[in-house]
Amino acid sequence: MSVAEVKTNHKEQMMIVGENIRRQRKAMSYDVVELSILSRVSEVTIKRLEAGYDNVTLETLVKLANVFKCDPSELLKLYHL
């Protein structure tokens, strides 16, 4: 596997995690501002995560999962059955 393939896979993984966060947020009918207030995660961070620009930290993952009332692993799933 080449370095380019690893980066592509990593970027795809970040996009999927971002989609999972967005899906959960919308399922709970929160906008970014509401989620930011409830989770104490900045709006900029949420937007960047949802867009797949940033890696999620463990701390942020736990904060978001607590608001969503789900296990943090749900936000990390790379596929849905």
N, C-alpha and C. Protein backbone atom coordinates (compact mmCIF):
# COMPACT_ATOMS: atom_id res chain seq x y z
N MET A 1 0.85 -1.18 0.00
CA MET A 1 0.00 0.00 0.00
C MET A 1 0.89 1.23 0.00
N SER A 2 0.61 2.15 -0.89
CA SER A 2 1.42 3.35 -1.00
C SER A 2 1.00 4.40 0.02
N VAL A 3 1.85 5.40 0.21
CA VAL A 3 1.54 6.51 1.11
C VAL A 3 0.28 7.23 0.64
N ALA A 4 0.12 7.40 -0.66
CA ALA A 4 -1.07 8.07 -1.21
C ALA A 4 -2.33 7.29 -0.87
N GLU A 5 -2.27 5.95 -0.93
CA GLU A 5 -3.43 5.13 -0.59
C GLU A 5 -3.78 5.26 0.88
N VAL A 6 -2.77 5.30 1.74
CA VAL A 6 -3.02 5.45 3.18
C VAL A 6 -3.69 6.79 3.44
N LYS A 7 -3.19 7.86 2.83
CA LYS A 7 -3.78 9.18 3.03
C LYS A 7 -5.22 9.21 2.52
N THR A 8 -5.46 8.59 1.37
CA THR A 8 -6.81 8.54 0.82
C THR A 8 -7.72 7.79 1.77
N ASN A 9 -7.26 6.65 2.25
CA ASN A 9 -8.07 5.89 3.18
C ASN A 9 -8.34 6.67 4.46
N HIS A 10 -7.32 7.35 4.94
CA HIS A 10 -7.49 8.16 6.16
C HIS A 10 -8.50 9.27 5.92
N LYS A 11 -8.40 9.95 4.79
CA LYS A 11 -9.34 11.03 4.46
C LYS A 11 -10.75 10.48 4.35
N GLU A 12 -10.89 9.34 3.71
CA GLU A 12 -12.22 8.72 3.59
C GLU A 12 -12.77 8.38 4.97
N GLN A 13 -11.92 7.90 5.85
CA GLN A 13 -12.35 7.56 7.20
C GLN A 13 -12.81 8.80 7.95
N MET A 14 -12.07 9.91 7.80
CA MET A 14 -12.47 11.16 8.45
C MET A 14 -13.82 11.63 7.92
N MET A 15 -14.05 11.47 6.62
CA MET A 15 -15.33 11.86 6.01
C MET A 15 -16.47 11.03 6.57
N ILE A 16 -16.25 9.73 6.74
CA ILE A 16 -17.29 8.85 7.26
C ILE A 16 -17.62 9.21 8.71
N VAL A 17 -16.60 9.46 9.52
CA VAL A 17 -16.84 9.86 10.91
C VAL A 17 -17.61 11.18 10.94
N GLY A 18 -17.24 12.10 10.08
CA GLY A 18 -17.97 13.37 9.98
C GLY A 18 -19.42 13.16 9.60
N GLU A 19 -19.66 12.26 8.66
CA GLU A 19 -21.04 11.94 8.26
C GLU A 19 -21.81 11.33 9.42
N ASN A 20 -21.15 10.49 10.21
CA ASN A 20 -21.81 9.89 11.38
C ASN A 20 -22.22 10.96 12.38
N ILE A 21 -21.34 11.92 12.61
CA ILE A 21 -21.64 13.01 13.54
C ILE A 21 -22.82 13.83 13.01
N ARG A 22 -22.78 14.18 11.74
CA ARG A 22 -23.86 14.95 11.12
C ARG A 22 -25.18 14.17 11.19
N ARG A 23 -25.15 12.90 10.89
CA ARG A 23 -26.35 12.06 10.92
C ARG A 23 -26.98 12.06 12.32
N GLN A 24 -26.14 11.89 13.33
CA GLN A 24 -26.64 11.88 14.71
C GLN A 24 -27.21 13.25 15.08
N ARG A 25 -26.50 14.30 14.69
CA ARG A 25 -26.97 15.67 15.01
C ARG A 25 -28.33 15.92 14.39
N LYS A 26 -28.47 15.57 13.14
CA LYS A 26 -29.75 15.81 12.45
C LYS A 26 -30.86 14.92 12.99
N ALA A 27 -30.52 13.69 13.38
CA ALA A 27 -31.51 12.78 13.95
C ALA A 27 -32.10 13.35 15.24
N MET A 28 -31.30 14.15 15.94
CA MET A 28 -31.77 14.76 17.17
C MET A 28 -32.29 16.18 16.94
N SER A 29 -32.34 16.58 15.68
CA SER A 29 -32.85 17.90 15.29
C SER A 29 -32.08 19.05 15.91
N TYR A 30 -30.77 18.88 16.04
CA TYR A 30 -29.92 19.96 16.53
C TYR A 30 -29.26 20.65 15.35
N ASP A 31 -29.12 21.97 15.45
CA ASP A 31 -28.26 22.64 14.49
C ASP A 31 -26.86 22.69 15.13
N VAL A 32 -25.91 23.20 14.40
CA VAL A 32 -24.53 23.21 14.89
C VAL A 32 -24.39 24.04 16.16
N VAL A 33 -25.09 25.14 16.22
CA VAL A 33 -25.02 26.01 17.40
C VAL A 33 -25.53 25.27 18.64
N GLU A 34 -26.67 24.62 18.51
CA GLU A 34 -27.22 23.88 19.66
C GLU A 34 -26.28 22.77 20.11
N LEU A 35 -25.73 22.02 19.15
CA LEU A 35 -24.81 20.95 19.51
C LEU A 35 -23.57 21.51 20.18
N SER A 36 -23.10 22.63 19.70
CA SER A 36 -21.93 23.27 20.29
C SER A 36 -22.18 23.64 21.75
N ILE A 37 -23.32 24.22 22.02
CA ILE A 37 -23.66 24.62 23.38
C ILE A 37 -23.79 23.40 24.29
N LEU A 38 -24.51 22.39 23.82
CA LEU A 38 -24.75 21.20 24.64
C LEU A 38 -23.49 20.38 24.89
N SER A 39 -22.62 20.33 23.90
CA SER A 39 -21.43 19.49 24.01
C SER A 39 -20.20 20.24 24.53
N ARG A 40 -20.26 21.55 24.48
CA ARG A 40 -19.09 22.38 24.81
C ARG A 40 -17.93 22.12 23.84
N VAL A 41 -18.31 21.87 22.59
CA VAL A 41 -17.35 21.73 21.49
C VAL A 41 -17.63 22.91 20.57
N SER A 42 -16.60 23.60 20.12
CA SER A 42 -16.82 24.80 19.33
C SER A 42 -17.55 24.49 18.02
N GLU A 43 -18.30 25.49 17.55
CA GLU A 43 -19.00 25.36 16.27
C GLU A 43 -18.02 25.07 15.14
N VAL A 44 -16.89 25.74 15.17
CA VAL A 44 -15.87 25.55 14.13
C VAL A 44 -15.39 24.10 14.12
N THR A 45 -15.15 23.54 15.29
CA THR A 45 -14.69 22.16 15.39
C THR A 45 -15.75 21.21 14.83
N ILE A 46 -17.00 21.41 15.21
CA ILE A 46 -18.08 20.55 14.73
C ILE A 46 -18.17 20.63 13.20
N LYS A 47 -18.14 21.83 12.67
CA LYS A 47 -18.22 22.00 11.21
C LYS A 47 -17.04 21.33 10.51
N ARG A 48 -15.85 21.46 11.07
CA ARG A 48 -14.66 20.87 10.45
C ARG A 48 -14.71 19.34 10.53
N LEU A 49 -15.20 18.82 11.65
CA LEU A 49 -15.34 17.37 11.78
C LEU A 49 -16.36 16.84 10.78
N GLU A 50 -17.51 17.50 10.70
CA GLU A 50 -18.56 17.05 9.79
C GLU A 50 -18.10 17.11 8.33
N ALA A 51 -17.24 18.04 8.02
CA ALA A 51 -16.73 18.17 6.65
C ALA A 51 -15.56 17.22 6.37
N GLY A 52 -15.09 16.53 7.40
CA GLY A 52 -13.99 15.60 7.22
C GLY A 52 -12.63 16.24 7.17
N TYR A 53 -12.51 17.47 7.68
CA TYR A 53 -11.24 18.19 7.64
C TYR A 53 -10.33 17.86 8.81
N ASP A 54 -10.91 17.45 9.94
CA ASP A 54 -10.11 17.23 11.15
C ASP A 54 -10.33 15.83 11.70
N ASN A 55 -9.32 15.34 12.41
CA ASN A 55 -9.47 14.12 13.19
C ASN A 55 -10.22 14.46 14.47
N VAL A 56 -11.07 13.58 14.90
CA VAL A 56 -11.78 13.80 16.15
C VAL A 56 -10.88 13.34 17.30
N THR A 57 -10.82 14.14 18.36
CA THR A 57 -10.07 13.74 19.54
C THR A 57 -10.97 12.87 20.40
N LEU A 58 -10.36 12.11 21.28
CA LEU A 58 -11.13 11.27 22.19
C LEU A 58 -12.05 12.12 23.06
N GLU A 59 -11.53 13.23 23.54
CA GLU A 59 -12.32 14.13 24.39
C GLU A 59 -13.56 14.63 23.65
N THR A 60 -13.39 15.07 22.42
CA THR A 60 -14.51 15.57 21.63
C THR A 60 -15.48 14.45 21.30
N LEU A 61 -14.96 13.29 20.97
CA LEU A 61 -15.80 12.14 20.67
C LEU A 61 -16.72 11.81 21.85
N VAL A 62 -16.17 11.80 23.04
CA VAL A 62 -16.96 11.49 24.24
C VAL A 62 -17.99 12.57 24.50
N LYS A 63 -17.62 13.83 24.35
CA LYS A 63 -18.57 14.93 24.55
C LYS A 63 -19.76 14.82 23.59
N LEU A 64 -19.47 14.55 22.33
CA LEU A 64 -20.55 14.44 21.34
C LEU A 64 -21.41 13.21 21.62
N ALA A 65 -20.78 12.09 21.92
CA ALA A 65 -21.54 10.87 22.22
C ALA A 65 -22.44 11.06 23.42
N ASN A 66 -21.99 11.79 24.42
CA ASN A 66 -22.83 12.06 25.60
C ASN A 66 -24.08 12.84 25.22
N VAL A 67 -23.93 13.83 24.37
CA VAL A 67 -25.10 14.60 23.92
C VAL A 67 -26.03 13.71 23.09
N PHE A 68 -25.45 12.87 22.25
CA PHE A 68 -26.25 12.00 21.38
C PHE A 68 -26.80 10.78 22.13
N LYS A 69 -26.33 10.59 23.37
CA LYS A 69 -26.75 9.44 24.17
C LYS A 69 -26.45 8.12 23.43
N CYS A 70 -25.23 8.06 22.92
CA CYS A 70 -24.80 6.84 22.23
C CYS A 70 -23.39 6.49 22.69
N ASP A 71 -22.97 5.30 22.37
CA ASP A 71 -21.61 4.89 22.65
C ASP A 71 -20.68 5.60 21.67
N PRO A 72 -19.54 6.08 22.11
CA PRO A 72 -18.62 6.75 21.19
C PRO A 72 -18.27 5.91 19.96
N SER A 73 -18.28 4.61 20.10
CA SER A 73 -17.95 3.74 18.96
C SER A 73 -18.94 3.89 17.82
N GLU A 74 -20.16 4.30 18.11
CA GLU A 74 -21.16 4.51 17.06
C GLU A 74 -20.72 5.61 16.10
N LEU A 75 -20.02 6.59 16.62
CA LEU A 75 -19.57 7.70 15.78
C LEU A 75 -18.35 7.33 14.95
N LEU A 76 -17.68 6.25 15.33
CA LEU A 76 -16.47 5.82 14.63
C LEU A 76 -16.72 4.74 13.58
N LYS A 77 -17.94 4.23 13.53
CA LYS A 77 -18.22 3.14 12.59
C LYS A 77 -17.95 3.57 11.16
N LEU A 78 -17.22 2.74 10.47
CA LEU A 78 -16.87 3.04 9.08
C LEU A 78 -17.87 2.42 8.11
N TYR A 79 -18.81 1.67 8.63
CA TYR A 79 -19.89 1.10 7.81
C TYR A 79 -21.09 0.87 8.70
N HIS A 80 -22.23 0.79 8.10
CA HIS A 80 -23.47 0.53 8.83
C HIS A 80 -24.13 -0.70 8.25
N LEU A 81 -24.51 -1.60 9.14
CA LEU A 81 -25.17 -2.83 8.68
C LEU A 81 -26.64 -2.60 8.43
